[in-house]
Amino acid sequence: MSTLTDILKSVLPTKWSQWTAGLSMPLLPVSFFLPEFLQKLNMPVTTQAELPVRIAATTTVGLVAAMLVLVLVLHHYRSSVVSHGPKEIVPEPGNPFLSVLALIARYHSQEIPATPALIATELGLDPEITLAHMWKYHNKQFITFANGGKKPDINTSFFLSPNAWQHIKVVRA
């Protein structure tokens, strides 16, 4: 039984779906012997009806169990998907890499200079920390800036490098 439990745990994502699948497996052979059970309850089944009753009972139990497991798995996957609106960008604490890239892309599509000060207010971070992150991303050649050869400050406009587009998923509305 532990092998079956291990298989169910590796295949099905929730406890309810594992329990449903685990409990339905012993019910399949039991449902095959429904005509004998009905005869013990003084509800005789003719020999001509035995085979269709066996097939119908076993198929019904299997399909109901499969539908329950499918509904439970789909509900789990549907509830685990988090959708953010097109304007909502949620930073990852300690690593705002994708958020910074997405905001630079959004600001340039709206012809707004993508400065560390503006990005910091959007992400709720300190402008100096955001500048440090953006400087690190510049060194890794994901973003660049034009500041006349001077070191960037919190009001310097940044641009995406071709390298950055490999990390940004473009979504059409």
N, C-alpha and C. Protein backbone atom coordinates (compact mmCIF):
# COMPACT_ATOMS: atom_id res chain seq x y z
N MET A 1 0.82 -1.20 0.00
CA MET A 1 0.00 0.00 0.00
C MET A 1 0.87 1.26 0.00
N SER A 2 2.07 1.16 0.54
CA SER A 2 2.93 2.35 0.57
C SER A 2 3.39 2.73 -0.83
N THR A 3 3.53 1.74 -1.72
CA THR A 3 3.90 2.04 -3.10
C THR A 3 2.79 2.83 -3.77
N LEU A 4 1.55 2.42 -3.56
CA LEU A 4 0.40 3.14 -4.12
C LEU A 4 0.33 4.55 -3.55
N THR A 5 0.57 4.68 -2.26
CA THR A 5 0.56 6.01 -1.63
C THR A 5 1.65 6.89 -2.21
N ASP A 6 2.83 6.35 -2.41
CA ASP A 6 3.92 7.12 -2.99
C ASP A 6 3.60 7.56 -4.42
N ILE A 7 3.00 6.66 -5.18
CA ILE A 7 2.62 7.00 -6.55
C ILE A 7 1.58 8.11 -6.56
N LEU A 8 0.56 7.99 -5.72
CA LEU A 8 -0.48 9.02 -5.67
C LEU A 8 0.08 10.36 -5.21
N LYS A 9 1.00 10.34 -4.25
CA LYS A 9 1.59 11.59 -3.78
C LYS A 9 2.45 12.25 -4.86
N SER A 10 3.09 11.45 -5.69
CA SER A 10 3.94 12.03 -6.72
C SER A 10 3.13 12.52 -7.92
N VAL A 11 1.94 11.97 -8.13
CA VAL A 11 1.15 12.31 -9.31
C VAL A 11 0.10 13.38 -9.01
N LEU A 12 -0.56 13.28 -7.87
CA LEU A 12 -1.67 14.19 -7.56
C LEU A 12 -1.21 15.26 -6.58
N PRO A 13 -1.64 16.52 -6.79
CA PRO A 13 -1.10 17.62 -6.00
C PRO A 13 -1.73 17.83 -4.63
N THR A 14 -2.98 17.38 -4.40
CA THR A 14 -3.65 17.68 -3.14
C THR A 14 -3.99 16.41 -2.39
N LYS A 15 -4.18 16.55 -1.08
CA LYS A 15 -4.57 15.41 -0.24
C LYS A 15 -5.94 14.87 -0.65
N TRP A 16 -6.87 15.78 -0.96
CA TRP A 16 -8.22 15.35 -1.33
C TRP A 16 -8.21 14.53 -2.61
N SER A 17 -7.45 14.94 -3.57
CA SER A 17 -7.39 14.16 -4.81
C SER A 17 -6.70 12.82 -4.58
N GLN A 18 -5.70 12.80 -3.71
CA GLN A 18 -5.02 11.54 -3.39
C GLN A 18 -5.97 10.59 -2.66
N TRP A 19 -6.76 11.13 -1.71
CA TRP A 19 -7.72 10.31 -0.99
C TRP A 19 -8.81 9.78 -1.92
N THR A 20 -9.31 10.63 -2.79
CA THR A 20 -10.36 10.21 -3.72
C THR A 20 -9.86 9.10 -4.63
N ALA A 21 -8.69 9.27 -5.18
CA ALA A 21 -8.14 8.23 -6.06
C ALA A 21 -7.84 6.96 -5.28
N GLY A 22 -7.30 7.11 -4.08
CA GLY A 22 -6.97 5.95 -3.27
C GLY A 22 -8.19 5.17 -2.82
N LEU A 23 -9.27 5.87 -2.49
CA LEU A 23 -10.50 5.19 -2.06
C LEU A 23 -11.29 4.60 -3.22
N SER A 24 -11.14 5.18 -4.39
CA SER A 24 -11.91 4.66 -5.54
C SER A 24 -11.30 3.38 -6.10
N MET A 25 -10.02 3.16 -5.91
CA MET A 25 -9.40 1.95 -6.46
C MET A 25 -9.96 0.66 -5.85
N PRO A 26 -10.16 0.57 -4.53
CA PRO A 26 -10.78 -0.66 -4.01
C PRO A 26 -12.27 -0.77 -4.36
N LEU A 27 -12.90 0.37 -4.66
CA LEU A 27 -14.32 0.32 -5.01
C LEU A 27 -14.56 -0.27 -6.40
N LEU A 28 -13.57 -0.22 -7.27
CA LEU A 28 -13.75 -0.77 -8.62
C LEU A 28 -14.00 -2.28 -8.60
N PRO A 29 -13.19 -3.08 -7.94
CA PRO A 29 -13.50 -4.51 -7.91
C PRO A 29 -14.77 -4.82 -7.12
N VAL A 30 -15.05 -4.03 -6.09
CA VAL A 30 -16.28 -4.23 -5.32
C VAL A 30 -17.49 -3.99 -6.21
N SER A 31 -17.44 -2.94 -7.02
CA SER A 31 -18.58 -2.64 -7.89
C SER A 31 -18.77 -3.71 -8.97
N PHE A 32 -17.70 -4.43 -9.29
CA PHE A 32 -17.82 -5.51 -10.27
C PHE A 32 -18.70 -6.64 -9.73
N PHE A 33 -18.69 -6.81 -8.41
CA PHE A 33 -19.50 -7.87 -7.79
C PHE A 33 -20.83 -7.35 -7.27
N LEU A 34 -21.36 -6.31 -7.84
CA LEU A 34 -22.65 -5.76 -7.45
C LEU A 34 -23.80 -6.75 -7.63
N PRO A 35 -23.87 -7.55 -8.70
CA PRO A 35 -24.99 -8.49 -8.82
C PRO A 35 -25.05 -9.48 -7.63
N GLU A 36 -23.91 -9.97 -7.16
CA GLU A 36 -23.91 -10.88 -6.02
C GLU A 36 -24.39 -10.17 -4.75
N PHE A 37 -23.96 -8.90 -4.58
CA PHE A 37 -24.39 -8.13 -3.42
C PHE A 37 -25.90 -7.89 -3.46
N LEU A 38 -26.43 -7.59 -4.64
CA LEU A 38 -27.87 -7.39 -4.78
C LEU A 38 -28.64 -8.67 -4.48
N GLN A 39 -28.12 -9.82 -4.85
CA GLN A 39 -28.78 -11.09 -4.56
C GLN A 39 -28.81 -11.35 -3.06
N LYS A 40 -27.77 -10.94 -2.32
CA LYS A 40 -27.75 -11.10 -0.87
C LYS A 40 -28.79 -10.21 -0.20
N LEU A 41 -29.14 -9.12 -0.86
CA LEU A 41 -30.17 -8.21 -0.35
C LEU A 41 -31.57 -8.60 -0.84
N ASN A 42 -31.71 -9.82 -1.35
CA ASN A 42 -32.97 -10.33 -1.89
C ASN A 42 -33.48 -9.50 -3.06
N MET A 43 -32.56 -9.03 -3.88
CA MET A 43 -32.90 -8.31 -5.11
C MET A 43 -32.25 -9.08 -6.25
N PRO A 44 -32.88 -10.17 -6.68
CA PRO A 44 -32.23 -11.02 -7.68
C PRO A 44 -32.01 -10.30 -9.01
N VAL A 45 -30.90 -10.62 -9.63
CA VAL A 45 -30.55 -10.08 -10.94
C VAL A 45 -30.51 -11.26 -11.90
N THR A 46 -31.17 -11.14 -13.03
CA THR A 46 -31.20 -12.24 -14.00
C THR A 46 -29.82 -12.44 -14.59
N THR A 47 -29.60 -13.62 -15.10
CA THR A 47 -28.28 -13.92 -15.68
C THR A 47 -28.02 -13.06 -16.92
N GLN A 48 -29.09 -12.66 -17.61
CA GLN A 48 -28.91 -11.80 -18.79
C GLN A 48 -28.52 -10.39 -18.39
N ALA A 49 -28.90 -9.96 -17.20
CA ALA A 49 -28.62 -8.60 -16.76
C ALA A 49 -27.33 -8.50 -15.96
N GLU A 50 -26.75 -9.63 -15.59
CA GLU A 50 -25.54 -9.60 -14.75
C GLU A 50 -24.38 -8.87 -15.41
N LEU A 51 -24.07 -9.22 -16.64
CA LEU A 51 -22.94 -8.59 -17.32
C LEU A 51 -23.15 -7.09 -17.52
N PRO A 52 -24.33 -6.64 -18.02
CA PRO A 52 -24.51 -5.18 -18.14
C PRO A 52 -24.45 -4.45 -16.79
N VAL A 53 -24.95 -5.08 -15.71
CA VAL A 53 -24.88 -4.44 -14.39
C VAL A 53 -23.44 -4.35 -13.93
N ARG A 54 -22.65 -5.40 -14.15
CA ARG A 54 -21.23 -5.37 -13.77
C ARG A 54 -20.50 -4.26 -14.53
N ILE A 55 -20.73 -4.20 -15.83
CA ILE A 55 -20.05 -3.20 -16.66
C ILE A 55 -20.50 -1.79 -16.26
N ALA A 56 -21.80 -1.61 -16.08
CA ALA A 56 -22.31 -0.27 -15.75
C ALA A 56 -21.82 0.18 -14.37
N ALA A 57 -21.84 -0.71 -13.39
CA ALA A 57 -21.41 -0.34 -12.04
C ALA A 57 -19.93 0.01 -12.01
N THR A 58 -19.11 -0.83 -12.64
CA THR A 58 -17.67 -0.58 -12.63
C THR A 58 -17.32 0.70 -13.40
N THR A 59 -17.95 0.88 -14.53
CA THR A 59 -17.71 2.09 -15.33
C THR A 59 -18.16 3.33 -14.59
N THR A 60 -19.31 3.27 -13.95
CA THR A 60 -19.83 4.43 -13.23
C THR A 60 -18.91 4.81 -12.08
N VAL A 61 -18.47 3.85 -11.31
CA VAL A 61 -17.56 4.14 -10.19
C VAL A 61 -16.26 4.74 -10.72
N GLY A 62 -15.72 4.16 -11.78
CA GLY A 62 -14.46 4.68 -12.35
C GLY A 62 -14.60 6.08 -12.88
N LEU A 63 -15.70 6.35 -13.60
CA LEU A 63 -15.88 7.68 -14.18
C LEU A 63 -16.17 8.74 -13.12
N VAL A 64 -16.98 8.40 -12.12
CA VAL A 64 -17.26 9.36 -11.05
C VAL A 64 -15.98 9.69 -10.29
N ALA A 65 -15.18 8.67 -9.99
CA ALA A 65 -13.91 8.91 -9.29
C ALA A 65 -12.97 9.76 -10.15
N ALA A 66 -12.89 9.44 -11.42
CA ALA A 66 -12.01 10.21 -12.31
C ALA A 66 -12.47 11.67 -12.41
N MET A 67 -13.78 11.89 -12.48
CA MET A 67 -14.29 13.26 -12.55
C MET A 67 -14.01 14.02 -11.25
N LEU A 68 -14.18 13.36 -10.11
CA LEU A 68 -13.89 14.02 -8.84
C LEU A 68 -12.41 14.39 -8.73
N VAL A 69 -11.55 13.48 -9.11
CA VAL A 69 -10.11 13.76 -9.06
C VAL A 69 -9.77 14.89 -10.03
N LEU A 70 -10.35 14.86 -11.22
CA LEU A 70 -10.09 15.92 -12.19
C LEU A 70 -10.56 17.28 -11.68
N VAL A 71 -11.73 17.34 -11.09
CA VAL A 71 -12.24 18.60 -10.55
C VAL A 71 -11.34 19.10 -9.43
N LEU A 72 -10.90 18.21 -8.55
CA LEU A 72 -10.02 18.61 -7.45
C LEU A 72 -8.67 19.12 -7.96
N VAL A 73 -8.11 18.46 -8.94
CA VAL A 73 -6.82 18.88 -9.49
C VAL A 73 -6.96 20.21 -10.23
N LEU A 74 -8.00 20.36 -11.03
CA LEU A 74 -8.20 21.62 -11.75
C LEU A 74 -8.46 22.77 -10.78
N HIS A 75 -9.21 22.51 -9.73
CA HIS A 75 -9.45 23.55 -8.74
C HIS A 75 -8.14 23.96 -8.06
N HIS A 76 -7.31 22.99 -7.77
CA HIS A 76 -6.01 23.29 -7.16
C HIS A 76 -5.16 24.15 -8.09
N TYR A 77 -5.06 23.77 -9.36
CA TYR A 77 -4.22 24.54 -10.28
C TYR A 77 -4.82 25.91 -10.58
N ARG A 78 -6.13 25.99 -10.62
CA ARG A 78 -6.76 27.28 -10.88
C ARG A 78 -6.56 28.22 -9.70
N SER A 79 -6.64 27.71 -8.48
CA SER A 79 -6.47 28.56 -7.31
C SER A 79 -5.00 28.91 -7.06
N SER A 80 -4.07 28.12 -7.61
CA SER A 80 -2.66 28.42 -7.38
C SER A 80 -2.11 29.44 -8.37
N VAL A 81 -2.83 29.71 -9.44
CA VAL A 81 -2.38 30.69 -10.42
C VAL A 81 -2.75 32.08 -9.91
N VAL A 82 -1.74 32.92 -9.77
CA VAL A 82 -1.96 34.28 -9.31
C VAL A 82 -1.88 35.19 -10.52
N SER A 83 -2.95 35.93 -10.75
CA SER A 83 -2.92 36.83 -11.90
C SER A 83 -2.80 38.26 -11.41
N HIS A 84 -1.91 38.97 -12.01
CA HIS A 84 -1.72 40.38 -11.70
C HIS A 84 -2.23 41.17 -12.88
N GLY A 85 -2.81 42.30 -12.58
CA GLY A 85 -3.28 43.17 -13.65
C GLY A 85 -2.12 43.66 -14.49
N PRO A 86 -2.41 44.20 -15.65
CA PRO A 86 -1.33 44.62 -16.52
C PRO A 86 -0.47 45.74 -15.95
N LYS A 87 -1.00 46.55 -15.03
CA LYS A 87 -0.22 47.65 -14.49
C LYS A 87 0.41 47.31 -13.15
N GLU A 88 0.08 46.15 -12.58
CA GLU A 88 0.60 45.79 -11.28
C GLU A 88 1.86 44.96 -11.42
N ILE A 89 2.95 45.46 -10.90
CA ILE A 89 4.22 44.74 -10.91
C ILE A 89 4.61 44.54 -9.47
N VAL A 90 4.75 43.29 -9.06
CA VAL A 90 5.07 42.97 -7.68
C VAL A 90 6.54 42.63 -7.60
N PRO A 91 7.31 43.38 -6.82
CA PRO A 91 8.74 43.09 -6.73
C PRO A 91 9.00 41.86 -5.88
N GLU A 92 10.06 41.19 -6.21
CA GLU A 92 10.51 40.07 -5.41
C GLU A 92 11.45 40.65 -4.36
N PRO A 93 11.20 40.42 -3.07
CA PRO A 93 12.05 41.03 -2.04
C PRO A 93 13.51 40.62 -2.21
N GLY A 94 14.38 41.61 -2.22
CA GLY A 94 15.81 41.34 -2.34
C GLY A 94 16.29 41.17 -3.77
N ASN A 95 15.40 40.96 -4.72
CA ASN A 95 15.81 40.77 -6.11
C ASN A 95 14.75 41.37 -7.05
N PRO A 96 14.78 42.68 -7.23
CA PRO A 96 13.78 43.32 -8.08
C PRO A 96 14.14 43.31 -9.56
N PHE A 97 14.95 42.35 -10.00
CA PHE A 97 15.48 42.33 -11.36
C PHE A 97 14.37 42.42 -12.41
N LEU A 98 13.42 41.48 -12.39
CA LEU A 98 12.37 41.47 -13.42
C LEU A 98 11.45 42.67 -13.30
N SER A 99 11.21 43.12 -12.07
CA SER A 99 10.36 44.30 -11.87
C SER A 99 11.00 45.54 -12.48
N VAL A 100 12.30 45.69 -12.27
CA VAL A 100 13.02 46.85 -12.83
C VAL A 100 13.00 46.79 -14.35
N LEU A 101 13.27 45.63 -14.92
CA LEU A 101 13.24 45.51 -16.38
C LEU A 101 11.86 45.80 -16.94
N ALA A 102 10.84 45.27 -16.29
CA ALA A 102 9.47 45.50 -16.77
C ALA A 102 9.08 46.97 -16.68
N LEU A 103 9.48 47.62 -15.60
CA LEU A 103 9.15 49.05 -15.46
C LEU A 103 9.91 49.90 -16.47
N ILE A 104 11.17 49.57 -16.74
CA ILE A 104 11.91 50.33 -17.77
C ILE A 104 11.21 50.16 -19.12
N ALA A 105 10.80 48.94 -19.44
CA ALA A 105 10.10 48.71 -20.71
C ALA A 105 8.79 49.48 -20.75
N ARG A 106 8.03 49.47 -19.64
CA ARG A 106 6.75 50.17 -19.62
C ARG A 106 6.94 51.68 -19.75
N TYR A 107 7.90 52.24 -19.00
CA TYR A 107 8.11 53.68 -19.07
C TYR A 107 8.56 54.13 -20.45
N HIS A 108 9.43 53.36 -21.09
CA HIS A 108 9.87 53.76 -22.43
C HIS A 108 8.77 53.59 -23.46
N SER A 109 7.86 52.64 -23.26
CA SER A 109 6.74 52.51 -24.19
C SER A 109 5.79 53.70 -24.05
N GLN A 110 5.80 54.34 -22.87
CA GLN A 110 4.96 55.52 -22.63
C GLN A 110 5.75 56.81 -22.79
N GLU A 111 7.01 56.68 -23.26
CA GLU A 111 7.92 57.81 -23.47
C GLU A 111 8.16 58.60 -22.18
N ILE A 112 8.31 57.87 -21.09
CA ILE A 112 8.64 58.46 -19.78
C ILE A 112 10.06 58.01 -19.45
N PRO A 113 10.95 58.92 -19.03
CA PRO A 113 12.31 58.52 -18.67
C PRO A 113 12.29 57.55 -17.48
N ALA A 114 12.96 56.43 -17.64
CA ALA A 114 12.99 55.40 -16.60
C ALA A 114 14.15 55.68 -15.65
N THR A 115 13.91 56.51 -14.65
CA THR A 115 14.95 56.87 -13.69
C THR A 115 14.84 56.00 -12.44
N PRO A 116 15.94 55.80 -11.73
CA PRO A 116 15.87 55.03 -10.48
C PRO A 116 14.90 55.64 -9.46
N ALA A 117 14.78 56.96 -9.45
CA ALA A 117 13.85 57.61 -8.51
C ALA A 117 12.41 57.22 -8.82
N LEU A 118 12.05 57.24 -10.09
CA LEU A 118 10.68 56.89 -10.50
C LEU A 118 10.41 55.40 -10.27
N ILE A 119 11.37 54.56 -10.59
CA ILE A 119 11.21 53.11 -10.39
C ILE A 119 11.14 52.79 -8.90
N ALA A 120 11.93 53.50 -8.08
CA ALA A 120 11.92 53.26 -6.63
C ALA A 120 10.56 53.60 -6.04
N THR A 121 9.95 54.70 -6.49
CA THR A 121 8.62 55.04 -5.96
C THR A 121 7.59 54.00 -6.38
N GLU A 122 7.70 53.47 -7.58
CA GLU A 122 6.77 52.45 -8.07
C GLU A 122 6.91 51.14 -7.29
N LEU A 123 8.14 50.77 -6.96
CA LEU A 123 8.39 49.51 -6.27
C LEU A 123 8.39 49.65 -4.74
N GLY A 124 8.35 50.88 -4.25
CA GLY A 124 8.36 51.09 -2.81
C GLY A 124 9.73 50.87 -2.19
N LEU A 125 10.78 51.15 -2.95
CA LEU A 125 12.14 50.98 -2.47
C LEU A 125 12.82 52.33 -2.32
N ASP A 126 13.98 52.33 -1.69
CA ASP A 126 14.79 53.53 -1.56
C ASP A 126 15.44 53.82 -2.91
N PRO A 127 15.46 55.08 -3.38
CA PRO A 127 16.06 55.39 -4.68
C PRO A 127 17.53 55.01 -4.79
N GLU A 128 18.29 55.16 -3.70
CA GLU A 128 19.71 54.81 -3.74
C GLU A 128 19.91 53.30 -3.87
N ILE A 129 19.06 52.53 -3.20
CA ILE A 129 19.14 51.07 -3.32
C ILE A 129 18.74 50.64 -4.73
N THR A 130 17.71 51.29 -5.25
CA THR A 130 17.29 50.99 -6.62
C THR A 130 18.40 51.33 -7.61
N LEU A 131 19.09 52.47 -7.40
CA LEU A 131 20.22 52.84 -8.25
C LEU A 131 21.32 51.79 -8.16
N ALA A 132 21.59 51.28 -6.96
CA ALA A 132 22.62 50.25 -6.80
C ALA A 132 22.24 48.98 -7.56
N HIS A 133 20.95 48.59 -7.48
CA HIS A 133 20.50 47.43 -8.24
C HIS A 133 20.65 47.67 -9.75
N MET A 134 20.26 48.86 -10.17
CA MET A 134 20.32 49.17 -11.60
C MET A 134 21.78 49.26 -12.08
N TRP A 135 22.68 49.71 -11.23
CA TRP A 135 24.10 49.74 -11.58
C TRP A 135 24.61 48.31 -11.75
N LYS A 136 24.17 47.41 -10.85
CA LYS A 136 24.54 46.00 -10.94
C LYS A 136 24.00 45.40 -12.25
N TYR A 137 22.76 45.73 -12.61
CA TYR A 137 22.18 45.22 -13.86
C TYR A 137 22.89 45.82 -15.08
N HIS A 138 23.38 47.04 -14.94
CA HIS A 138 24.16 47.67 -16.01
C HIS A 138 25.48 46.92 -16.20
N ASN A 139 26.12 46.55 -15.09
CA ASN A 139 27.38 45.82 -15.17
C ASN A 139 27.20 44.43 -15.79
N LYS A 140 26.01 43.86 -15.62
CA LYS A 140 25.72 42.56 -16.23
C LYS A 140 25.15 42.71 -17.64
N GLN A 141 25.13 43.94 -18.14
CA GLN A 141 24.73 44.29 -19.50
C GLN A 141 23.25 44.01 -19.81
N PHE A 142 22.39 44.25 -18.81
CA PHE A 142 20.95 44.14 -19.04
C PHE A 142 20.33 45.50 -19.33
N ILE A 143 20.87 46.55 -18.72
CA ILE A 143 20.38 47.90 -18.97
C ILE A 143 21.58 48.80 -19.19
N THR A 144 21.30 49.94 -19.77
CA THR A 144 22.36 50.92 -20.01
C THR A 144 21.80 52.31 -19.76
N PHE A 145 22.67 53.31 -19.80
CA PHE A 145 22.25 54.69 -19.55
C PHE A 145 23.09 55.61 -20.40
N ALA A 146 22.58 56.80 -20.59
CA ALA A 146 23.32 57.83 -21.32
C ALA A 146 23.44 59.02 -20.37
N ASN A 147 24.64 59.23 -19.86
CA ASN A 147 24.86 60.30 -18.90
C ASN A 147 26.12 61.09 -19.22
N GLY A 148 26.53 61.08 -20.47
CA GLY A 148 27.70 61.86 -20.88
C GLY A 148 29.00 61.37 -20.27
N GLY A 149 29.10 60.07 -19.98
CA GLY A 149 30.32 59.50 -19.43
C GLY A 149 30.43 59.62 -17.93
N LYS A 150 29.45 60.26 -17.28
CA LYS A 150 29.48 60.39 -15.83
C LYS A 150 28.80 59.19 -15.18
N LYS A 151 29.06 59.03 -13.90
CA LYS A 151 28.41 57.98 -13.14
C LYS A 151 26.92 58.31 -13.01
N PRO A 152 26.03 57.31 -13.09
CA PRO A 152 24.60 57.62 -13.02
C PRO A 152 24.18 58.02 -11.60
N ASP A 153 23.12 58.84 -11.55
CA ASP A 153 22.53 59.19 -10.27
C ASP A 153 21.06 58.78 -10.29
N ILE A 154 20.29 59.18 -9.30
CA ILE A 154 18.90 58.71 -9.21
C ILE A 154 17.99 59.34 -10.26
N ASN A 155 18.48 60.35 -10.98
CA ASN A 155 17.69 60.99 -12.03
C ASN A 155 18.17 60.65 -13.43
N THR A 156 19.09 59.70 -13.55
CA THR A 156 19.60 59.28 -14.85
C THR A 156 18.60 58.32 -15.49
N SER A 157 18.34 58.52 -16.77
CA SER A 157 17.40 57.66 -17.48
C SER A 157 18.13 56.41 -17.97
N PHE A 158 17.51 55.25 -17.71
CA PHE A 158 18.08 53.96 -18.11
C PHE A 158 17.29 53.38 -19.27
N PHE A 159 17.96 52.56 -20.07
CA PHE A 159 17.37 51.90 -21.24
C PHE A 159 17.65 50.40 -21.16
N LEU A 160 16.83 49.62 -21.81
CA LEU A 160 17.06 48.17 -21.86
C LEU A 160 18.09 47.82 -22.91
N SER A 161 18.94 46.89 -22.59
CA SER A 161 19.90 46.35 -23.55
C SER A 161 19.26 45.16 -24.26
N PRO A 162 19.79 44.75 -25.39
CA PRO A 162 19.23 43.58 -26.07
C PRO A 162 19.22 42.32 -25.20
N ASN A 163 20.17 42.21 -24.28
CA ASN A 163 20.22 41.07 -23.36
C ASN A 163 18.97 40.97 -22.49
N ALA A 164 18.39 42.10 -22.14
CA ALA A 164 17.25 42.13 -21.22
C ALA A 164 16.00 41.52 -21.84
N TRP A 165 15.86 41.60 -23.14
CA TRP A 165 14.63 41.13 -23.78
C TRP A 165 14.49 39.61 -23.70
N GLN A 166 15.56 38.91 -23.38
CA GLN A 166 15.46 37.47 -23.18
C GLN A 166 14.75 37.15 -21.88
N HIS A 167 14.69 38.10 -20.95
CA HIS A 167 14.07 37.89 -19.63
C HIS A 167 12.70 38.51 -19.51
N ILE A 168 12.26 39.23 -20.52
CA ILE A 168 10.96 39.89 -20.47
C ILE A 168 10.00 39.18 -21.41
N LYS A 169 8.84 38.85 -20.89
CA LYS A 169 7.81 38.20 -21.71
C LYS A 169 6.88 39.31 -22.20
N VAL A 170 6.73 39.43 -23.50
CA VAL A 170 5.87 40.44 -24.08
C VAL A 170 4.48 39.85 -24.18
N VAL A 171 3.50 40.55 -23.59
CA VAL A 171 2.12 40.09 -23.59
C VAL A 171 1.29 41.06 -24.38
N ARG A 172 0.51 40.52 -25.30
CA ARG A 172 -0.37 41.39 -26.08
C ARG A 172 -1.73 41.48 -25.41
N ALA A 173 -2.27 42.67 -25.34
CA ALA A 173 -3.57 42.86 -24.69
C ALA A 173 -4.70 42.52 -25.61
